Amino acid sequence: MTTSPPGLADLGGFALLEPWQPLSDKRRRQLDTELLAELPPGHVLAGTSPAALAARADRDDVLFEVPGVGYAVVHLSWSGRPGESSDWPRTEVFDSLEEWRDRVLLRDHAGRVGEQLDAIAGSHDDFVARTYELTEGWEAAGAGIEVVEPVLRFMETHPSLDLGVPGPLVHFVERFLGSAYIEALTASLDRRPTSHTAWMLHRVLNVTEAPEARAALVQTLERARRHPHADDSVRDAVALYLDEE
C-alpha cells in the first residue's frame, strides 16, 4: 500500500508532483537501508539516520529527512557498498521542505507539464475539464512561474485546440502576471504566434498603463502579425487589437 510520506503534510501540506512519488513503507525501508550501505566516512550524511520521504519515478533520486541536517536528495547507485569518495553518493542538502519544493520539485515538474498536456490533447470533448483537474493539482502543489513556459509551448504546438475562454490554463498562468510572465509570453509570440497567445498578450495590454510598457507590448503584437508562422487567424486578431490603440 502506498502511503503519504511523513513530514510533507506536516509542513504546509503541499502535494507531490510528477516525477516525484510517495513511497510504501516497504520501499521506504529499502531505500533507507541502501543509503546507509552507500555512505562512506566523511560523507555529509555519515553518522545520521535518514528517512526516505519520496523518490523520482524516472531515476534513482530520493528525498530523505535527515535529523540534525534537514532534508537531502541523494542519487543512489544501488551498489550496496560505500562510495569511493566522501562526495558519493551525490547529495544535495536543503534546510526545509519548502526549499526542496522550490528548488527541486517544481523544477522537475515543469519538465512534465508538456507531457501531461500532450496526454490529454486528444480528448477534445473534455479537454477543458481535464485541464481544470491538472491546474487544480498544480495549485495544490504550489506550482509557480516555472509552469508558464511549458504551457505556452503547448499552446504553440496546438493552435487550433479549444482551450476555453479564457480557460483553466490561462487562468492559472495569469496568476503570475508580471515581468517574468510577460517575458515568457513575448518569447512565445516571437517563436510561433497563435491567436490564443496573441489574445493573452492583448489581455495584458488592457491592464497595462505605463506608456513604455504599452509600447513594448504593441511592438510584440506587430512582430506577431508579420511573423512567417502567423496564419490568417493570428493576423486578423492582431489587426483588431492594434486598431484599438
C-alpha atoms as a PDB file:
ATOM      1  CA  MET A   1       0.000   0.000   0.000  1.00  0.00           C
ATOM      2  CA  THR A   2       1.285   3.485  -0.885  1.00  0.00           C
ATOM      3  CA  THR A   3       1.159   5.988   1.928  1.00  0.00           C
ATOM      4  CA  SER A   4       1.780   9.700   2.175  1.00  0.00           C
ATOM      5  CA  PRO A   5       5.389  10.433   3.081  1.00  0.00           C
ATOM      6  CA  PRO A   6       5.727  11.618   6.671  1.00  0.00           C
ATOM      7  CA  GLY A   7       6.629  15.257   7.021  1.00  0.00           C
ATOM      8  CA  LEU A   8       5.185  16.560   3.753  1.00  0.00           C
ATOM      9  CA  ALA A   9       1.727  17.136   5.190  1.00  0.00           C
ATOM     10  CA  ASP A  10       3.201  18.486   8.402  1.00  0.00           C
ATOM     11  CA  LEU A  11       4.909  21.449   6.716  1.00  0.00           C
ATOM     12  CA  GLY A  12       2.207  23.118   4.688  1.00  0.00           C
ATOM     13  CA  GLY A  13       0.517  20.086   3.166  1.00  0.00           C
ATOM     14  CA  PHE A  14       1.755  20.651  -0.389  1.00  0.00           C
ATOM     15  CA  ALA A  15       1.266  17.744  -2.751  1.00  0.00           C
ATOM     16  CA  LEU A  16       3.886  15.791  -4.645  1.00  0.00           C
ATOM     17  CA  LEU A  17       4.093  16.398  -8.376  1.00  0.00           C
ATOM     18  CA  GLU A  18       5.408  14.128 -11.120  1.00  0.00           C
ATOM     19  CA  PRO A  19       8.011  12.774 -11.440  1.00  0.00           C
ATOM     20  CA  TRP A  20       8.218  12.595  -7.613  1.00  0.00           C
ATOM     21  CA  GLN A  21       6.143   9.906  -5.937  1.00  0.00           C
ATOM     22  CA  PRO A  22       5.286   8.837  -2.380  1.00  0.00           C
ATOM     23  CA  LEU A  23       6.616   5.572  -1.012  1.00  0.00           C
ATOM     24  CA  SER A  24       5.183   2.454   0.510  1.00  0.00           C
ATOM     25  CA  ASP A  25       6.517   1.519   3.937  1.00  0.00           C
ATOM     26  CA  LYS A  26       8.397  -1.401   2.374  1.00  0.00           C
ATOM     27  CA  ARG A  27      10.009   0.783  -0.271  1.00  0.00           C
ATOM     28  CA  ARG A  28      10.926   3.398   2.331  1.00  0.00           C
ATOM     29  CA  ARG A  29      12.755   0.811   4.452  1.00  0.00           C
ATOM     30  CA  GLN A  30      14.565  -0.493   1.360  1.00  0.00           C
ATOM     31  CA  LEU A  31      15.784   2.989   0.452  1.00  0.00           C
ATOM     32  CA  ASP A  32      16.880   3.763   3.999  1.00  0.00           C
ATOM     33  CA  THR A  33      18.908   0.540   4.098  1.00  0.00           C
ATOM     34  CA  GLU A  34      20.531   1.165   0.728  1.00  0.00           C
ATOM     35  CA  LEU A  35      21.544   4.712   1.610  1.00  0.00           C
ATOM     36  CA  LEU A  36      23.201   3.626   4.859  1.00  0.00           C
ATOM     37  CA  ALA A  37      25.109   0.951   2.940  1.00  0.00           C
ATOM     38  CA  GLU A  38      26.385   3.511   0.423  1.00  0.00           C
ATOM     39  CA  LEU A  39      27.556   6.231   2.864  1.00  0.00           C
ATOM     40  CA  PRO A  40      31.370   6.415   3.156  1.00  0.00           C
ATOM     41  CA  PRO A  41      33.211   8.049   6.063  1.00  0.00           C
ATOM     42  CA  GLY A  42      33.227  11.818   5.716  1.00  0.00           C
ATOM     43  CA  HIS A  43      30.039  11.982   3.680  1.00  0.00           C
ATOM     44  CA  VAL A  44      27.721  14.842   4.662  1.00  0.00           C
ATOM     45  CA  LEU A  45      25.137  12.282   5.823  1.00  0.00           C
ATOM     46  CA  ALA A  46      27.561   9.891   7.546  1.00  0.00           C
ATOM     47  CA  GLY A  47      26.506   9.133  11.105  1.00  0.00           C
ATOM     48  CA  THR A  48      22.930  10.342  10.591  1.00  0.00           C
ATOM     49  CA  SER A  49      19.648   8.439  10.478  1.00  0.00           C
ATOM     50  CA  PRO A  50      17.990   9.416   7.166  1.00  0.00           C
ATOM     51  CA  ALA A  51      14.358   8.520   6.499  1.00  0.00           C
ATOM     52  CA  ALA A  52      13.130   8.327   2.905  1.00  0.00           C
ATOM     53  CA  LEU A  53      10.139  10.532   2.087  1.00  0.00           C
ATOM     54  CA  ALA A  54       9.733  10.408  -1.693  1.00  0.00           C
ATOM     55  CA  ALA A  55      11.522   9.306  -4.854  1.00  0.00           C
ATOM     56  CA  ARG A  56      11.640  10.207  -8.503  1.00  0.00           C
ATOM     57  CA  ALA A  57       9.852   7.670 -10.681  1.00  0.00           C
ATOM     58  CA  ASP A  58      12.273   8.081 -13.583  1.00  0.00           C
ATOM     59  CA  ARG A  59      15.656   7.863 -11.861  1.00  0.00           C
ATOM     60  CA  ASP A  60      17.319   6.990  -8.567  1.00  0.00           C
ATOM     61  CA  ASP A  61      16.914  10.336  -6.793  1.00  0.00           C
ATOM     62  CA  VAL A  62      15.425  10.017  -3.304  1.00  0.00           C
ATOM     63  CA  LEU A  63      14.341  12.686  -0.838  1.00  0.00           C
ATOM     64  CA  PHE A  64      15.352  11.928   2.756  1.00  0.00           C
ATOM     65  CA  GLU A  65      14.555  13.673   6.013  1.00  0.00           C
ATOM     66  CA  VAL A  66      17.797  13.849   7.994  1.00  0.00           C
ATOM     67  CA  PRO A  67      17.626  14.772  11.706  1.00  0.00           C
ATOM     68  CA  GLY A  68      20.176  17.438  12.509  1.00  0.00           C
ATOM     69  CA  VAL A  69      20.766  18.230   8.834  1.00  0.00           C
ATOM     70  CA  GLY A  70      17.393  18.992   7.284  1.00  0.00           C
ATOM     71  CA  TYR A  71      16.468  17.290   4.032  1.00  0.00           C
ATOM     72  CA  ALA A  72      18.600  15.759   1.316  1.00  0.00           C
ATOM     73  CA  VAL A  73      18.184  14.479  -2.214  1.00  0.00           C
ATOM     74  CA  VAL A  74      20.516  11.547  -2.801  1.00  0.00           C
ATOM     75  CA  HIS A  75      21.235   9.843  -6.110  1.00  0.00           C
ATOM     76  CA  LEU A  76      21.591   6.217  -5.088  1.00  0.00           C
ATOM     77  CA  SER A  77      23.988   3.988  -7.023  1.00  0.00           C
ATOM     78  CA  TRP A  78      22.461   0.678  -5.829  1.00  0.00           C
ATOM     79  CA  SER A  79      25.980  -0.661  -5.395  1.00  0.00           C
ATOM     80  CA  GLY A  80      25.286  -1.861  -1.852  1.00  0.00           C
ATOM     81  CA  ARG A  81      28.662  -0.548  -0.699  1.00  0.00           C
ATOM     82  CA  PRO A  82      30.198   2.789   0.335  1.00  0.00           C
ATOM     83  CA  GLY A  83      31.034   5.341  -2.336  1.00  0.00           C
ATOM     84  CA  GLU A  84      34.646   5.675  -3.463  1.00  0.00           C
ATOM     85  CA  SER A  85      34.897   9.213  -2.087  1.00  0.00           C
ATOM     86  CA  SER A  86      33.101  11.320   0.510  1.00  0.00           C
ATOM     87  CA  ASP A  87      31.251  13.069  -2.365  1.00  0.00           C
ATOM     88  CA  TRP A  88      29.384   9.892  -3.306  1.00  0.00           C
ATOM     89  CA  PRO A  89      26.558   9.129  -3.391  1.00  0.00           C
ATOM     90  CA  ARG A  90      25.847  12.583  -4.866  1.00  0.00           C
ATOM     91  CA  THR A  91      23.806  14.576  -2.346  1.00  0.00           C
ATOM     92  CA  GLU A  92      22.124  17.964  -2.211  1.00  0.00           C
ATOM     93  CA  VAL A  93      21.048  19.296   1.201  1.00  0.00           C
ATOM     94  CA  PHE A  94      18.097  21.602   1.948  1.00  0.00           C
ATOM     95  CA  ASP A  95      17.150  23.428   5.128  1.00  0.00           C
ATOM     96  CA  SER A  96      13.417  22.820   4.695  1.00  0.00           C
ATOM     97  CA  LEU A  97      10.841  21.004   2.593  1.00  0.00           C
ATOM     98  CA  GLU A  98       9.768  24.353   1.198  1.00  0.00           C
ATOM     99  CA  GLU A  99      13.289  24.947  -0.103  1.00  0.00           C
ATOM    100  CA  TRP A 100      13.317  21.482  -1.692  1.00  0.00           C
ATOM    101  CA  ARG A 101       9.915  22.128  -3.254  1.00  0.00           C
ATOM    102  CA  ASP A 102      11.003  25.464  -4.723  1.00  0.00           C
ATOM    103  CA  ARG A 103      14.414  24.316  -5.953  1.00  0.00           C
ATOM    104  CA  VAL A 104      13.724  20.729  -6.995  1.00  0.00           C
ATOM    105  CA  LEU A 105      10.095  19.582  -7.068  1.00  0.00           C
ATOM    106  CA  LEU A 106       8.748  22.488  -9.124  1.00  0.00           C
ATOM    107  CA  ARG A 107      11.750  22.495 -11.463  1.00  0.00           C
ATOM    108  CA  ASP A 108      11.449  18.765 -12.112  1.00  0.00           C
ATOM    109  CA  HIS A 109       7.707  19.004 -12.594  1.00  0.00           C
ATOM    110  CA  ALA A 110       7.993  21.799 -15.160  1.00  0.00           C
ATOM    111  CA  GLY A 111       9.595  19.278 -17.486  1.00  0.00           C
ATOM    112  CA  ARG A 112       6.493  17.087 -17.164  1.00  0.00           C
ATOM    113  CA  VAL A 113       3.844  19.757 -17.750  1.00  0.00           C
ATOM    114  CA  GLY A 114       4.062  19.467 -21.520  1.00  0.00           C
ATOM    115  CA  GLU A 115       3.810  15.692 -21.297  1.00  0.00           C
ATOM    116  CA  GLN A 116       0.712  15.953 -19.094  1.00  0.00           C
ATOM    117  CA  LEU A 117      -0.962  18.322 -21.539  1.00  0.00           C
ATOM    118  CA  ASP A 118       0.018  16.264 -24.583  1.00  0.00           C
ATOM    119  CA  ALA A 119      -1.517  13.207 -22.914  1.00  0.00           C
ATOM    120  CA  ILE A 120      -4.961  14.844 -22.825  1.00  0.00           C
ATOM    121  CA  ALA A 121      -4.727  16.889 -26.025  1.00  0.00           C
ATOM    122  CA  GLY A 122      -6.700  14.285 -27.948  1.00  0.00           C
ATOM    123  CA  SER A 123      -9.663  14.448 -25.565  1.00  0.00           C
ATOM    124  CA  HIS A 124     -11.289  17.336 -27.418  1.00  0.00           C
ATOM    125  CA  ASP A 125     -14.736  16.938 -25.834  1.00  0.00           C
ATOM    126  CA  ASP A 126     -13.494  17.123 -22.257  1.00  0.00           C
ATOM    127  CA  PHE A 127     -10.079  18.787 -22.662  1.00  0.00           C
ATOM    128  CA  VAL A 128     -11.112  21.880 -20.706  1.00  0.00           C
ATOM    129  CA  ALA A 129     -12.495  19.778 -17.853  1.00  0.00           C
ATOM    130  CA  ARG A 130      -9.307  17.752 -17.712  1.00  0.00           C
ATOM    131  CA  THR A 131      -7.142  20.861 -17.692  1.00  0.00           C
ATOM    132  CA  TYR A 132      -9.148  22.045 -14.676  1.00  0.00           C
ATOM    133  CA  GLU A 133      -8.053  18.848 -12.936  1.00  0.00           C
ATOM    134  CA  LEU A 134      -4.427  19.432 -13.929  1.00  0.00           C
ATOM    135  CA  THR A 135      -4.319  23.051 -12.810  1.00  0.00           C
ATOM    136  CA  GLU A 136      -6.007  22.211  -9.510  1.00  0.00           C
ATOM    137  CA  GLY A 137      -3.200  19.713  -8.895  1.00  0.00           C
ATOM    138  CA  TRP A 138      -0.547  22.278  -9.819  1.00  0.00           C
ATOM    139  CA  GLU A 139      -2.096  24.818  -7.487  1.00  0.00           C
ATOM    140  CA  ALA A 140      -2.333  22.332  -4.622  1.00  0.00           C
ATOM    141  CA  ALA A 141       1.366  21.583  -5.012  1.00  0.00           C
ATOM    142  CA  GLY A 142       2.362  25.237  -5.105  1.00  0.00           C
ATOM    143  CA  ALA A 143       3.495  25.230  -8.751  1.00  0.00           C
ATOM    144  CA  GLY A 144       4.628  28.653  -9.904  1.00  0.00           C
ATOM    145  CA  ILE A 145       6.030  30.672 -12.771  1.00  0.00           C
ATOM    146  CA  GLU A 146       8.095  27.701 -13.999  1.00  0.00           C
ATOM    147  CA  VAL A 147       4.888  26.171 -15.410  1.00  0.00           C
ATOM    148  CA  VAL A 148       4.223  29.140 -17.711  1.00  0.00           C
ATOM    149  CA  GLU A 149       6.752  28.322 -20.427  1.00  0.00           C
ATOM    150  CA  PRO A 150       5.729  24.669 -20.978  1.00  0.00           C
ATOM    151  CA  VAL A 151       2.065  25.747 -21.054  1.00  0.00           C
ATOM    152  CA  LEU A 152       2.850  28.371 -23.699  1.00  0.00           C
ATOM    153  CA  ARG A 153       4.866  25.886 -25.737  1.00  0.00           C
ATOM    154  CA  PHE A 154       1.900  23.522 -25.635  1.00  0.00           C
ATOM    155  CA  MET A 155      -0.315  26.304 -26.967  1.00  0.00           C
ATOM    156  CA  GLU A 156       2.183  26.922 -29.772  1.00  0.00           C
ATOM    157  CA  THR A 157       2.012  23.305 -30.912  1.00  0.00           C
ATOM    158  CA  HIS A 158      -1.786  23.040 -30.564  1.00  0.00           C
ATOM    159  CA  PRO A 159      -3.018  26.326 -32.082  1.00  0.00           C
ATOM    160  CA  SER A 160      -6.460  25.014 -33.060  1.00  0.00           C
ATOM    161  CA  LEU A 161      -7.278  23.288 -29.767  1.00  0.00           C
ATOM    162  CA  ASP A 162     -10.201  24.778 -27.843  1.00  0.00           C
ATOM    163  CA  LEU A 163      -8.619  25.896 -24.555  1.00  0.00           C
ATOM    164  CA  GLY A 164     -11.704  27.627 -23.179  1.00  0.00           C
ATOM    165  CA  VAL A 165     -12.348  31.352 -22.808  1.00  0.00           C
ATOM    166  CA  PRO A 166     -10.192  32.123 -21.036  1.00  0.00           C
ATOM    167  CA  GLY A 167      -9.979  28.539 -19.814  1.00  0.00           C
ATOM    168  CA  PRO A 168      -8.169  26.954 -16.877  1.00  0.00           C
ATOM    169  CA  LEU A 169      -4.709  27.172 -18.443  1.00  0.00           C
ATOM    170  CA  VAL A 170      -4.949  30.937 -18.959  1.00  0.00           C
ATOM    171  CA  HIS A 171      -6.497  31.399 -15.517  1.00  0.00           C
ATOM    172  CA  PHE A 172      -3.589  29.522 -13.990  1.00  0.00           C
ATOM    173  CA  VAL A 173      -0.698  31.219 -15.794  1.00  0.00           C
ATOM    174  CA  GLU A 174      -2.208  34.690 -15.350  1.00  0.00           C
ATOM    175  CA  ARG A 175      -1.775  34.239 -11.603  1.00  0.00           C
ATOM    176  CA  PHE A 176       1.873  35.099 -12.283  1.00  0.00           C
ATOM    177  CA  LEU A 177       1.214  38.280 -14.239  1.00  0.00           C
ATOM    178  CA  GLY A 178       4.345  40.384 -14.003  1.00  0.00           C
ATOM    179  CA  SER A 179       7.614  40.954 -15.813  1.00  0.00           C
ATOM    180  CA  ALA A 180       8.617  37.259 -15.948  1.00  0.00           C
ATOM    181  CA  TYR A 181       5.200  36.266 -17.278  1.00  0.00           C
ATOM    182  CA  ILE A 182       5.276  38.990 -19.936  1.00  0.00           C
ATOM    183  CA  GLU A 183       8.794  37.953 -20.981  1.00  0.00           C
ATOM    184  CA  ALA A 184       7.667  34.337 -21.374  1.00  0.00           C
ATOM    185  CA  LEU A 185       4.566  35.350 -23.344  1.00  0.00           C
ATOM    186  CA  THR A 186       6.601  37.676 -25.573  1.00  0.00           C
ATOM    187  CA  ALA A 187       9.118  34.891 -26.243  1.00  0.00           C
ATOM    188  CA  SER A 188       6.272  32.554 -27.162  1.00  0.00           C
ATOM    189  CA  LEU A 189       4.822  35.016 -29.670  1.00  0.00           C
ATOM    190  CA  ASP A 190       8.281  35.576 -31.143  1.00  0.00           C
ATOM    191  CA  ARG A 191       8.725  31.794 -31.552  1.00  0.00           C
ATOM    192  CA  ARG A 192       5.328  30.875 -33.001  1.00  0.00           C
ATOM    193  CA  PRO A 193       2.345  33.176 -32.521  1.00  0.00           C
ATOM    194  CA  THR A 194      -1.143  31.758 -32.128  1.00  0.00           C
ATOM    195  CA  SER A 195      -4.455  33.548 -31.937  1.00  0.00           C
ATOM    196  CA  HIS A 196      -4.774  32.444 -28.311  1.00  0.00           C
ATOM    197  CA  THR A 197      -1.381  33.729 -27.161  1.00  0.00           C
ATOM    198  CA  ALA A 198      -1.945  36.978 -29.073  1.00  0.00           C
ATOM    199  CA  TRP A 199      -5.236  37.330 -27.206  1.00  0.00           C
ATOM    200  CA  MET A 200      -3.417  36.669 -23.928  1.00  0.00           C
ATOM    201  CA  LEU A 201      -0.979  39.485 -24.689  1.00  0.00           C
ATOM    202  CA  HIS A 202      -3.913  41.728 -25.525  1.00  0.00           C
ATOM    203  CA  ARG A 203      -5.335  40.967 -22.079  1.00  0.00           C
ATOM    204  CA  VAL A 204      -2.025  42.110 -20.590  1.00  0.00           C
ATOM    205  CA  LEU A 205      -2.130  45.256 -22.709  1.00  0.00           C
ATOM    206  CA  ASN A 206      -5.615  46.051 -21.404  1.00  0.00           C
ATOM    207  CA  VAL A 207      -4.339  46.237 -17.812  1.00  0.00           C
ATOM    208  CA  THR A 208      -1.042  47.991 -18.586  1.00  0.00           C
ATOM    209  CA  GLU A 209      -0.918  51.756 -18.072  1.00  0.00           C
ATOM    210  CA  ALA A 210       2.745  52.759 -18.362  1.00  0.00           C
ATOM    211  CA  PRO A 211       3.348  54.194 -21.874  1.00  0.00           C
ATOM    212  CA  GLU A 212       6.721  52.481 -22.342  1.00  0.00           C
ATOM    213  CA  ALA A 213       5.356  49.125 -21.266  1.00  0.00           C
ATOM    214  CA  ARG A 214       2.340  49.516 -23.559  1.00  0.00           C
ATOM    215  CA  ALA A 215       4.612  50.416 -26.462  1.00  0.00           C
ATOM    216  CA  ALA A 216       6.670  47.261 -25.912  1.00  0.00           C
ATOM    217  CA  LEU A 217       3.530  45.121 -25.934  1.00  0.00           C
ATOM    218  CA  VAL A 218       2.294  46.764 -29.123  1.00  0.00           C
ATOM    219  CA  GLN A 219       5.651  46.075 -30.754  1.00  0.00           C
ATOM    220  CA  THR A 220       5.291  42.409 -29.799  1.00  0.00           C
ATOM    221  CA  LEU A 221       1.883  42.312 -31.475  1.00  0.00           C
ATOM    222  CA  GLU A 222       3.323  43.962 -34.570  1.00  0.00           C
ATOM    223  CA  ARG A 223       6.023  41.313 -34.765  1.00  0.00           C
ATOM    224  CA  ALA A 224       3.415  38.580 -34.319  1.00  0.00           C
ATOM    225  CA  ARG A 225       1.377  39.959 -37.237  1.00  0.00           C
ATOM    226  CA  ARG A 226       4.457  39.884 -39.506  1.00  0.00           C
ATOM    227  CA  HIS A 227       5.750  36.537 -38.223  1.00  0.00           C
ATOM    228  CA  PRO A 228       6.278  33.958 -41.005  1.00  0.00           C
ATOM    229  CA  HIS A 229       4.350  31.356 -38.994  1.00  0.00           C
ATOM    230  CA  ALA A 230       1.371  33.633 -38.326  1.00  0.00           C
ATOM    231  CA  ASP A 231      -1.778  32.351 -40.018  1.00  0.00           C
ATOM    232  CA  ASP A 232      -4.836  34.359 -41.011  1.00  0.00           C
ATOM    233  CA  SER A 233      -6.450  33.926 -37.588  1.00  0.00           C
ATOM    234  CA  VAL A 234      -3.403  35.456 -35.893  1.00  0.00           C
ATOM    235  CA  ARG A 235      -3.083  38.328 -38.358  1.00  0.00           C
ATOM    236  CA  ASP A 236      -6.808  39.129 -38.188  1.00  0.00           C
ATOM    237  CA  ALA A 237      -6.863  39.017 -34.369  1.00  0.00           C
ATOM    238  CA  VAL A 238      -3.763  41.181 -34.018  1.00  0.00           C
ATOM    239  CA  ALA A 239      -5.128  43.691 -36.519  1.00  0.00           C
ATOM    240  CA  LEU A 240      -8.221  44.141 -34.346  1.00  0.00           C
ATOM    241  CA  TYR A 241      -6.113  44.608 -31.218  1.00  0.00           C
ATOM    242  CA  LEU A 242      -3.869  47.167 -32.910  1.00  0.00           C
ATOM    243  CA  ASP A 243      -6.871  49.081 -34.232  1.00  0.00           C
ATOM    244  CA  GLU A 244      -7.824  49.740 -30.615  1.00  0.00           C
ATOM    245  CA  GLU A 245      -4.536  51.523 -29.963  1.00  0.00           C
END
